[in-house]
Amino acid sequence: IAVHLAQSLPDAVRDRAEGVRGLAALLGPVRAFWAICLATTMAAVEVAIIGMVFDKRPGAALLAAFVCIVAVAFAIVARRRDAEVVERRLFPLIAGGTIVLGFGLVVAIAA
């Protein structure tokens, strides 16, 4: 959900004005941004928990979760400075964080 919202966030206002009923347009830019942050943070916490349960050395999962949570914190701080720039550049940050979480999850489960 976070990746989808981050990808469609830059067009949310225009989509809403044109009657497009996507999730980001329905939520609006502010709520969509916070939904992205919440969904990404929840995914990071889940990976950390899975890493601690299934891996004797959960370092990779914990590192992946930490990196993702730092990315979310960075986005929140940067948005206070310039919301439009963050909305346009959020997708690569969230997509990259999701990839890192995926690797952390694979390492945790494979161990």
C-alpha atoms as a PDB file:
ATOM      1  CA  ILE A   1       0.000   0.000   0.000  1.00  0.00           C
ATOM      2  CA  ALA A   2       2.794   2.402   0.884  1.00  0.00           C
ATOM      3  CA  VAL A   3       4.526   1.987  -2.468  1.00  0.00           C
ATOM      4  CA  HIS A   4       1.275   2.461  -4.381  1.00  0.00           C
ATOM      5  CA  LEU A   5       0.373   5.583  -2.411  1.00  0.00           C
ATOM      6  CA  ALA A   6       3.882   7.008  -2.781  1.00  0.00           C
ATOM      7  CA  GLN A   7       3.757   6.415  -6.542  1.00  0.00           C
ATOM      8  CA  SER A   8       0.367   8.116  -6.929  1.00  0.00           C
ATOM      9  CA  LEU A   9       0.846  10.886  -4.338  1.00  0.00           C
ATOM     10  CA  PRO A  10       2.228  13.539  -6.730  1.00  0.00           C
ATOM     11  CA  ASP A  11      -0.962  13.299  -8.818  1.00  0.00           C
ATOM     12  CA  ALA A  12      -3.454  13.134  -5.939  1.00  0.00           C
ATOM     13  CA  VAL A  13      -4.701  16.732  -6.135  1.00  0.00           C
ATOM     14  CA  ARG A  14      -5.022  16.716  -9.919  1.00  0.00           C
ATOM     15  CA  ASP A  15      -6.666  13.292  -9.892  1.00  0.00           C
ATOM     16  CA  ARG A  16      -9.217  14.450  -7.336  1.00  0.00           C
ATOM     17  CA  ALA A  17     -10.007  17.541  -9.422  1.00  0.00           C
ATOM     18  CA  GLU A  18     -10.471  15.376 -12.525  1.00  0.00           C
ATOM     19  CA  GLY A  19     -12.701  12.904 -10.720  1.00  0.00           C
ATOM     20  CA  VAL A  20     -10.220  10.019 -10.673  1.00  0.00           C
ATOM     21  CA  ARG A  21     -11.031   7.933  -7.625  1.00  0.00           C
ATOM     22  CA  GLY A  22      -7.664   6.446  -6.707  1.00  0.00           C
ATOM     23  CA  LEU A  23      -6.737   5.822  -3.088  1.00  0.00           C
ATOM     24  CA  ALA A  24      -4.308   8.758  -2.893  1.00  0.00           C
ATOM     25  CA  ALA A  25      -6.899  11.091  -4.428  1.00  0.00           C
ATOM     26  CA  LEU A  26      -9.567   9.902  -2.003  1.00  0.00           C
ATOM     27  CA  LEU A  27      -7.279  10.340   0.991  1.00  0.00           C
ATOM     28  CA  GLY A  28      -5.785  13.634  -0.153  1.00  0.00           C
ATOM     29  CA  PRO A  29      -2.083  14.454  -0.021  1.00  0.00           C
ATOM     30  CA  VAL A  30      -1.772  14.909   3.742  1.00  0.00           C
ATOM     31  CA  ARG A  31      -3.610  11.744   4.758  1.00  0.00           C
ATOM     32  CA  ALA A  32      -1.926   9.772   1.972  1.00  0.00           C
ATOM     33  CA  PHE A  33       1.496  10.903   3.225  1.00  0.00           C
ATOM     34  CA  TRP A  34       0.717   9.788   6.770  1.00  0.00           C
ATOM     35  CA  ALA A  35      -0.726   6.496   5.501  1.00  0.00           C
ATOM     36  CA  ILE A  36       2.559   5.913   3.647  1.00  0.00           C
ATOM     37  CA  CYS A  37       4.538   6.601   6.808  1.00  0.00           C
ATOM     38  CA  LEU A  38       2.309   4.350   8.910  1.00  0.00           C
ATOM     39  CA  ALA A  39       2.279   1.456   6.424  1.00  0.00           C
ATOM     40  CA  THR A  40       6.051   1.614   5.937  1.00  0.00           C
ATOM     41  CA  THR A  41       6.715   1.746   9.672  1.00  0.00           C
ATOM     42  CA  MET A  42       4.349  -1.169  10.290  1.00  0.00           C
ATOM     43  CA  ALA A  43       6.134  -3.221   7.639  1.00  0.00           C
ATOM     44  CA  ALA A  44       9.496  -2.411   9.221  1.00  0.00           C
ATOM     45  CA  VAL A  45       8.267  -3.473  12.656  1.00  0.00           C
ATOM     46  CA  GLU A  46       6.879  -6.714  11.205  1.00  0.00           C
ATOM     47  CA  VAL A  47      10.223  -7.527   9.559  1.00  0.00           C
ATOM     48  CA  ALA A  48      12.042  -6.816  12.821  1.00  0.00           C
ATOM     49  CA  ILE A  49       9.680  -9.096  14.751  1.00  0.00           C
ATOM     50  CA  ILE A  50       9.949 -11.883  12.173  1.00  0.00           C
ATOM     51  CA  GLY A  51      13.731 -11.532  12.270  1.00  0.00           C
ATOM     52  CA  MET A  52      13.814 -11.862  16.047  1.00  0.00           C
ATOM     53  CA  VAL A  53      11.471 -14.873  16.017  1.00  0.00           C
ATOM     54  CA  PHE A  54      12.930 -16.875  13.121  1.00  0.00           C
ATOM     55  CA  ASP A  55      16.601 -15.892  13.069  1.00  0.00           C
ATOM     56  CA  LYS A  56      19.125 -16.641  15.805  1.00  0.00           C
ATOM     57  CA  ARG A  57      21.087 -13.621  14.630  1.00  0.00           C
ATOM     58  CA  PRO A  58      18.435 -11.106  13.519  1.00  0.00           C
ATOM     59  CA  GLY A  59      20.935  -8.425  12.542  1.00  0.00           C
ATOM     60  CA  ALA A  60      19.934  -8.225   8.871  1.00  0.00           C
ATOM     61  CA  ALA A  61      16.228  -7.916   9.637  1.00  0.00           C
ATOM     62  CA  LEU A  62      16.821  -5.358  12.377  1.00  0.00           C
ATOM     63  CA  LEU A  63      19.158  -3.354  10.148  1.00  0.00           C
ATOM     64  CA  ALA A  64      16.602  -3.381   7.327  1.00  0.00           C
ATOM     65  CA  ALA A  65      13.868  -2.219   9.691  1.00  0.00           C
ATOM     66  CA  PHE A  66      16.110   0.509  11.088  1.00  0.00           C
ATOM     67  CA  VAL A  67      17.024   1.785   7.615  1.00  0.00           C
ATOM     68  CA  CYS A  68      13.366   1.907   6.633  1.00  0.00           C
ATOM     69  CA  ILE A  69      12.303   3.726   9.798  1.00  0.00           C
ATOM     70  CA  VAL A  70      15.109   6.257   9.316  1.00  0.00           C
ATOM     71  CA  ALA A  71      13.867   6.839   5.754  1.00  0.00           C
ATOM     72  CA  VAL A  72      10.358   7.515   7.082  1.00  0.00           C
ATOM     73  CA  ALA A  73      11.725   9.892   9.727  1.00  0.00           C
ATOM     74  CA  PHE A  74      13.728  11.679   7.030  1.00  0.00           C
ATOM     75  CA  ALA A  75      10.584  12.068   4.902  1.00  0.00           C
ATOM     76  CA  ILE A  76       8.618  13.478   7.852  1.00  0.00           C
ATOM     77  CA  VAL A  77      11.308  16.021   8.685  1.00  0.00           C
ATOM     78  CA  ALA A  78      11.844  16.980   5.044  1.00  0.00           C
ATOM     79  CA  ARG A  79       8.100  17.398   4.486  1.00  0.00           C
ATOM     80  CA  ARG A  80       7.982  20.102   7.143  1.00  0.00           C
ATOM     81  CA  ARG A  81      10.433  22.021   4.995  1.00  0.00           C
ATOM     82  CA  ASP A  82       8.953  21.476   1.519  1.00  0.00           C
ATOM     83  CA  ALA A  83       5.924  19.209   1.178  1.00  0.00           C
ATOM     84  CA  GLU A  84       5.742  19.412  -2.620  1.00  0.00           C
ATOM     85  CA  VAL A  85       9.326  18.249  -3.132  1.00  0.00           C
ATOM     86  CA  VAL A  86       8.868  15.364  -0.701  1.00  0.00           C
ATOM     87  CA  GLU A  87       5.614  14.319  -2.396  1.00  0.00           C
ATOM     88  CA  ARG A  88       7.404  14.189  -5.767  1.00  0.00           C
ATOM     89  CA  ARG A  89      10.467  12.330  -4.457  1.00  0.00           C
ATOM     90  CA  LEU A  90       8.875  10.027  -1.904  1.00  0.00           C
ATOM     91  CA  PHE A  91       8.324   7.080  -4.246  1.00  0.00           C
ATOM     92  CA  PRO A  92      12.020   6.172  -4.757  1.00  0.00           C
ATOM     93  CA  LEU A  93      12.633   6.468  -1.021  1.00  0.00           C
ATOM     94  CA  ILE A  94       9.727   4.204  -0.081  1.00  0.00           C
ATOM     95  CA  ALA A  95      10.357   1.764  -2.945  1.00  0.00           C
ATOM     96  CA  GLY A  96      14.013   1.485  -1.914  1.00  0.00           C
ATOM     97  CA  GLY A  97      13.019   0.973   1.712  1.00  0.00           C
ATOM     98  CA  THR A  98      10.641  -1.774   0.656  1.00  0.00           C
ATOM     99  CA  ILE A  99      13.413  -3.540  -1.247  1.00  0.00           C
ATOM    100  CA  VAL A 100      15.679  -3.324   1.803  1.00  0.00           C
ATOM    101  CA  LEU A 101      12.870  -4.758   3.961  1.00  0.00           C
ATOM    102  CA  GLY A 102      12.400  -7.573   1.473  1.00  0.00           C
ATOM    103  CA  PHE A 103      16.054  -8.534   1.698  1.00  0.00           C
ATOM    104  CA  GLY A 104      15.933  -8.377   5.499  1.00  0.00           C
ATOM    105  CA  LEU A 105      12.859 -10.605   5.527  1.00  0.00           C
ATOM    106  CA  VAL A 106      14.406 -13.157   3.139  1.00  0.00           C
ATOM    107  CA  VAL A 107      17.560 -13.347   5.239  1.00  0.00           C
ATOM    108  CA  ALA A 108      15.508 -13.784   8.414  1.00  0.00           C
ATOM    109  CA  ILE A 109      13.353 -16.549   6.997  1.00  0.00           C
ATOM    110  CA  ALA A 110      16.208 -18.345   5.216  1.00  0.00           C
ATOM    111  CA  ALA A 111      18.321 -18.556   8.366  1.00  0.00           C
END
